[in-house]
Amino acid sequence: MVELAEEYKYIVRIAGTDLDGSLKVGYALGRVRGVGLRLGHTLLRAVKVDPDKRIGHLTDEEVRRVEEVLKEPAKYGIQGWLLNRKKDLDTGKDLHLVGPDLELRTKLDIEFMKDIRCWRGIRHSLGLKVRGQRTRTTGRTGRAVGIQKRVLLAKAREKRE
């Protein structure tokens, strides 16, 4: 029992993210940005780690293997449809980005769309909804609508007079 307490880690760092050691491995991997539950469990199957194990009980070797598979999942037989960057514009390969790399690449993609002035880029630059959602009644921020508009206009007229 004493050995278990010494091996247990309360915080495990994987892919630049601190993970709670009390969580099961698959769910803890889901907390890493860019890794969902399905990819997390698939990674565990590739690394041959028990998904019911707590992440705090993983050995340093198992953590190293999980990070290695997370860096290049296609190399370890993980299907391309699970990856978040299929046919990357720069390299043409299937990639999977996690953590700050994913956030940076997303920002660069949005800037690229704004530069080429495609529909999504224009919507991003105007601060409007991008994915075809309704905008007639939702997404109104900072503007007066309906009856309030009349009240505000009346107040503005009174101030002028």
C-alpha atoms as a PDB file:
ATOM      1  CA  MET A   1       0.000   0.000   0.000  1.00  0.00           C
ATOM      2  CA  VAL A   2       2.874   2.391   0.706  1.00  0.00           C
ATOM      3  CA  GLU A   3       4.292   1.740  -2.770  1.00  0.00           C
ATOM      4  CA  LEU A   4       0.996   2.742  -4.384  1.00  0.00           C
ATOM      5  CA  ALA A   5       1.002   6.090  -2.608  1.00  0.00           C
ATOM      6  CA  GLU A   6       4.551   6.784  -3.780  1.00  0.00           C
ATOM      7  CA  GLU A   7       3.807   5.903  -7.428  1.00  0.00           C
ATOM      8  CA  TYR A   8       0.591   7.916  -7.584  1.00  0.00           C
ATOM      9  CA  LYS A   9       0.911  11.345  -9.203  1.00  0.00           C
ATOM     10  CA  TYR A  10      -1.737  13.938  -8.365  1.00  0.00           C
ATOM     11  CA  ILE A  11      -1.023  15.918 -11.538  1.00  0.00           C
ATOM     12  CA  VAL A  12       0.161  14.391 -14.804  1.00  0.00           C
ATOM     13  CA  ARG A  13       1.391  16.614 -17.638  1.00  0.00           C
ATOM     14  CA  ILE A  14       0.556  15.415 -21.140  1.00  0.00           C
ATOM     15  CA  ALA A  15       0.842  17.559 -24.294  1.00  0.00           C
ATOM     16  CA  GLY A  16       1.375  20.745 -22.284  1.00  0.00           C
ATOM     17  CA  THR A  17      -1.769  20.222 -20.191  1.00  0.00           C
ATOM     18  CA  ASP A  18      -1.931  19.424 -16.475  1.00  0.00           C
ATOM     19  CA  LEU A  19      -4.360  16.566 -15.872  1.00  0.00           C
ATOM     20  CA  ASP A  20      -5.987  15.520 -12.599  1.00  0.00           C
ATOM     21  CA  GLY A  21      -4.482  12.204 -11.471  1.00  0.00           C
ATOM     22  CA  SER A  22      -7.787  10.920 -10.073  1.00  0.00           C
ATOM     23  CA  LEU A  23      -9.488  10.725 -13.489  1.00  0.00           C
ATOM     24  CA  LYS A  24      -9.612   7.591 -15.621  1.00  0.00           C
ATOM     25  CA  VAL A  25      -7.070   7.724 -18.412  1.00  0.00           C
ATOM     26  CA  GLY A  26      -9.518   8.082 -21.325  1.00  0.00           C
ATOM     27  CA  TYR A  27     -11.464  10.889 -19.679  1.00  0.00           C
ATOM     28  CA  ALA A  28      -8.305  12.671 -18.576  1.00  0.00           C
ATOM     29  CA  LEU A  29      -7.028  12.632 -22.165  1.00  0.00           C
ATOM     30  CA  GLY A  30     -10.354  14.196 -23.174  1.00  0.00           C
ATOM     31  CA  ARG A  31      -9.332  17.276 -21.167  1.00  0.00           C
ATOM     32  CA  VAL A  32      -6.410  17.932 -23.539  1.00  0.00           C
ATOM     33  CA  ARG A  33      -7.420  20.494 -26.159  1.00  0.00           C
ATOM     34  CA  GLY A  34      -7.837  18.690 -29.478  1.00  0.00           C
ATOM     35  CA  VAL A  35      -8.431  15.237 -27.956  1.00  0.00           C
ATOM     36  CA  GLY A  36     -11.951  13.947 -27.420  1.00  0.00           C
ATOM     37  CA  LEU A  37     -13.184  10.855 -25.621  1.00  0.00           C
ATOM     38  CA  ARG A  38     -13.203   8.705 -28.745  1.00  0.00           C
ATOM     39  CA  LEU A  39      -9.659   9.642 -29.759  1.00  0.00           C
ATOM     40  CA  GLY A  40      -8.517   9.249 -26.144  1.00  0.00           C
ATOM     41  CA  HIS A  41      -9.816   5.690 -25.935  1.00  0.00           C
ATOM     42  CA  THR A  42      -8.397   4.882 -29.370  1.00  0.00           C
ATOM     43  CA  LEU A  43      -4.974   6.166 -28.232  1.00  0.00           C
ATOM     44  CA  LEU A  44      -5.151   3.910 -25.192  1.00  0.00           C
ATOM     45  CA  ARG A  45      -5.920   0.926 -27.393  1.00  0.00           C
ATOM     46  CA  ALA A  46      -2.892   1.748 -29.573  1.00  0.00           C
ATOM     47  CA  VAL A  47      -0.631   2.145 -26.516  1.00  0.00           C
ATOM     48  CA  LYS A  48      -2.161  -0.932 -24.806  1.00  0.00           C
ATOM     49  CA  VAL A  49      -3.064   0.828 -21.550  1.00  0.00           C
ATOM     50  CA  ASP A  50      -6.077  -0.205 -19.469  1.00  0.00           C
ATOM     51  CA  PRO A  51      -8.758   2.511 -19.910  1.00  0.00           C
ATOM     52  CA  ASP A  52     -10.139   1.854 -16.399  1.00  0.00           C
ATOM     53  CA  LYS A  53      -6.811   2.771 -14.842  1.00  0.00           C
ATOM     54  CA  ARG A  54      -6.438   6.176 -13.171  1.00  0.00           C
ATOM     55  CA  ILE A  55      -4.022   8.499 -14.935  1.00  0.00           C
ATOM     56  CA  GLY A  56      -2.163   9.115 -11.684  1.00  0.00           C
ATOM     57  CA  HIS A  57      -1.146   5.447 -11.619  1.00  0.00           C
ATOM     58  CA  LEU A  58       0.476   5.470 -15.084  1.00  0.00           C
ATOM     59  CA  THR A  59       4.204   4.891 -15.170  1.00  0.00           C
ATOM     60  CA  ASP A  60       6.537   7.416 -16.787  1.00  0.00           C
ATOM     61  CA  GLU A  61       7.050   4.996 -19.678  1.00  0.00           C
ATOM     62  CA  GLU A  62       3.292   4.750 -20.337  1.00  0.00           C
ATOM     63  CA  VAL A  63       2.924   8.545 -20.236  1.00  0.00           C
ATOM     64  CA  ARG A  64       5.817   8.865 -22.682  1.00  0.00           C
ATOM     65  CA  ARG A  65       4.180   6.345 -25.060  1.00  0.00           C
ATOM     66  CA  VAL A  66       0.826   8.173 -24.885  1.00  0.00           C
ATOM     67  CA  GLU A  67       2.527  11.470 -25.773  1.00  0.00           C
ATOM     68  CA  GLU A  68       4.435   9.794 -28.595  1.00  0.00           C
ATOM     69  CA  VAL A  69       1.244   8.390 -30.139  1.00  0.00           C
ATOM     70  CA  LEU A  70      -0.481  11.745 -29.628  1.00  0.00           C
ATOM     71  CA  LYS A  71       2.230  13.511 -31.662  1.00  0.00           C
ATOM     72  CA  GLU A  72       1.940  11.157 -34.660  1.00  0.00           C
ATOM     73  CA  PRO A  73      -1.288   9.135 -34.413  1.00  0.00           C
ATOM     74  CA  ALA A  74      -1.385   8.095 -38.092  1.00  0.00           C
ATOM     75  CA  LYS A  75       1.980   6.374 -37.658  1.00  0.00           C
ATOM     76  CA  TYR A  76       0.446   4.099 -35.006  1.00  0.00           C
ATOM     77  CA  GLY A  77      -2.549   2.981 -37.084  1.00  0.00           C
ATOM     78  CA  ILE A  78      -5.147   5.508 -35.942  1.00  0.00           C
ATOM     79  CA  GLN A  79      -7.681   6.181 -38.687  1.00  0.00           C
ATOM     80  CA  GLY A  80      -7.516   9.447 -40.633  1.00  0.00           C
ATOM     81  CA  TRP A  81     -11.133  10.372 -39.879  1.00  0.00           C
ATOM     82  CA  LEU A  82     -10.249  10.704 -36.175  1.00  0.00           C
ATOM     83  CA  LEU A  83      -7.622  13.360 -36.865  1.00  0.00           C
ATOM     84  CA  ASN A  84      -8.481  17.049 -36.677  1.00  0.00           C
ATOM     85  CA  ARG A  85      -6.409  18.262 -39.621  1.00  0.00           C
ATOM     86  CA  LYS A  86      -7.059  16.133 -42.690  1.00  0.00           C
ATOM     87  CA  LYS A  87      -5.119  17.105 -45.843  1.00  0.00           C
ATOM     88  CA  ASP A  88      -3.387  20.095 -44.275  1.00  0.00           C
ATOM     89  CA  LEU A  89      -3.055  23.070 -46.645  1.00  0.00           C
ATOM     90  CA  ASP A  90       0.675  23.473 -46.009  1.00  0.00           C
ATOM     91  CA  THR A  91       1.867  19.869 -46.046  1.00  0.00           C
ATOM     92  CA  GLY A  92      -0.973  17.938 -47.690  1.00  0.00           C
ATOM     93  CA  LYS A  93      -0.732  15.262 -44.974  1.00  0.00           C
ATOM     94  CA  ASP A  94      -3.170  14.141 -42.304  1.00  0.00           C
ATOM     95  CA  LEU A  95      -2.127  15.798 -39.033  1.00  0.00           C
ATOM     96  CA  HIS A  96      -3.473  15.961 -35.521  1.00  0.00           C
ATOM     97  CA  LEU A  97      -2.768  19.110 -33.527  1.00  0.00           C
ATOM     98  CA  VAL A  98      -3.237  19.473 -29.780  1.00  0.00           C
ATOM     99  CA  GLY A  99      -2.971  22.246 -27.210  1.00  0.00           C
ATOM    100  CA  PRO A 100      -1.506  25.609 -28.172  1.00  0.00           C
ATOM    101  CA  ASP A 101      -0.578  24.366 -31.664  1.00  0.00           C
ATOM    102  CA  LEU A 102      -4.259  23.776 -32.420  1.00  0.00           C
ATOM    103  CA  GLU A 103      -5.282  27.215 -31.144  1.00  0.00           C
ATOM    104  CA  LEU A 104      -2.564  28.953 -33.183  1.00  0.00           C
ATOM    105  CA  ARG A 105      -3.416  27.050 -36.368  1.00  0.00           C
ATOM    106  CA  THR A 106      -7.124  27.877 -35.944  1.00  0.00           C
ATOM    107  CA  LYS A 107      -6.324  31.586 -35.611  1.00  0.00           C
ATOM    108  CA  LEU A 108      -4.080  31.407 -38.689  1.00  0.00           C
ATOM    109  CA  ASP A 109      -6.848  29.660 -40.657  1.00  0.00           C
ATOM    110  CA  ILE A 110      -9.322  32.408 -39.757  1.00  0.00           C
ATOM    111  CA  GLU A 111      -6.817  35.106 -40.757  1.00  0.00           C
ATOM    112  CA  PHE A 112      -6.223  33.273 -44.054  1.00  0.00           C
ATOM    113  CA  MET A 113      -9.969  33.214 -44.763  1.00  0.00           C
ATOM    114  CA  LYS A 114     -10.174  36.941 -44.006  1.00  0.00           C
ATOM    115  CA  ASP A 115      -7.251  37.640 -46.346  1.00  0.00           C
ATOM    116  CA  ILE A 116      -8.711  35.755 -49.302  1.00  0.00           C
ATOM    117  CA  ARG A 117     -12.117  37.340 -48.587  1.00  0.00           C
ATOM    118  CA  CYS A 118     -14.068  34.102 -48.781  1.00  0.00           C
ATOM    119  CA  TRP A 119     -17.601  33.989 -47.368  1.00  0.00           C
ATOM    120  CA  ARG A 120     -16.518  32.602 -44.006  1.00  0.00           C
ATOM    121  CA  GLY A 121     -13.697  35.137 -43.795  1.00  0.00           C
ATOM    122  CA  ILE A 122     -16.070  38.019 -44.441  1.00  0.00           C
ATOM    123  CA  ARG A 123     -18.469  36.729 -41.765  1.00  0.00           C
ATOM    124  CA  HIS A 124     -15.566  36.408 -39.310  1.00  0.00           C
ATOM    125  CA  SER A 125     -14.369  39.930 -40.019  1.00  0.00           C
ATOM    126  CA  LEU A 126     -17.872  41.363 -39.530  1.00  0.00           C
ATOM    127  CA  GLY A 127     -18.362  39.458 -36.281  1.00  0.00           C
ATOM    128  CA  LEU A 128     -21.404  37.613 -37.628  1.00  0.00           C
ATOM    129  CA  LYS A 129     -22.327  33.953 -37.386  1.00  0.00           C
ATOM    130  CA  VAL A 130     -20.269  31.830 -39.744  1.00  0.00           C
ATOM    131  CA  ARG A 131     -21.900  28.414 -39.978  1.00  0.00           C
ATOM    132  CA  GLY A 132     -25.284  29.253 -41.463  1.00  0.00           C
ATOM    133  CA  GLN A 133     -27.164  29.881 -38.233  1.00  0.00           C
ATOM    134  CA  ARG A 134     -30.232  32.095 -38.077  1.00  0.00           C
ATOM    135  CA  THR A 135     -29.360  35.758 -37.546  1.00  0.00           C
ATOM    136  CA  ARG A 136     -32.745  37.424 -37.866  1.00  0.00           C
ATOM    137  CA  THR A 137     -33.607  37.067 -34.201  1.00  0.00           C
ATOM    138  CA  THR A 138     -30.474  35.715 -32.499  1.00  0.00           C
ATOM    139  CA  GLY A 139     -26.962  36.998 -32.108  1.00  0.00           C
ATOM    140  CA  ARG A 140     -28.036  40.578 -31.506  1.00  0.00           C
ATOM    141  CA  THR A 141     -25.476  42.220 -29.283  1.00  0.00           C
ATOM    142  CA  GLY A 142     -25.241  45.845 -28.289  1.00  0.00           C
ATOM    143  CA  ARG A 143     -28.252  47.034 -30.296  1.00  0.00           C
ATOM    144  CA  ALA A 144     -31.747  48.098 -29.309  1.00  0.00           C
ATOM    145  CA  VAL A 145     -34.522  45.977 -30.790  1.00  0.00           C
ATOM    146  CA  GLY A 146     -38.283  46.184 -30.920  1.00  0.00           C
ATOM    147  CA  ILE A 147     -40.090  48.553 -28.607  1.00  0.00           C
ATOM    148  CA  GLN A 148     -36.897  49.596 -26.849  1.00  0.00           C
ATOM    149  CA  LYS A 149     -35.719  51.200 -30.057  1.00  0.00           C
ATOM    150  CA  ARG A 150     -38.685  53.583 -30.001  1.00  0.00           C
ATOM    151  CA  VAL A 151     -38.028  54.478 -26.372  1.00  0.00           C
ATOM    152  CA  LEU A 152     -34.350  55.173 -27.072  1.00  0.00           C
ATOM    153  CA  LEU A 153     -35.180  57.306 -30.099  1.00  0.00           C
ATOM    154  CA  ALA A 154     -37.657  59.326 -28.020  1.00  0.00           C
ATOM    155  CA  LYS A 155     -35.019  59.926 -25.342  1.00  0.00           C
ATOM    156  CA  ALA A 156     -32.516  61.015 -27.982  1.00  0.00           C
ATOM    157  CA  ARG A 157     -35.050  63.544 -29.371  1.00  0.00           C
ATOM    158  CA  GLU A 158     -35.677  64.933 -25.899  1.00  0.00           C
ATOM    159  CA  LYS A 159     -31.953  65.454 -25.328  1.00  0.00           C
ATOM    160  CA  ARG A 160     -31.666  67.374 -28.607  1.00  0.00           C
ATOM    161  CA  GLU A 161     -34.534  69.655 -27.719  1.00  0.00           C
END
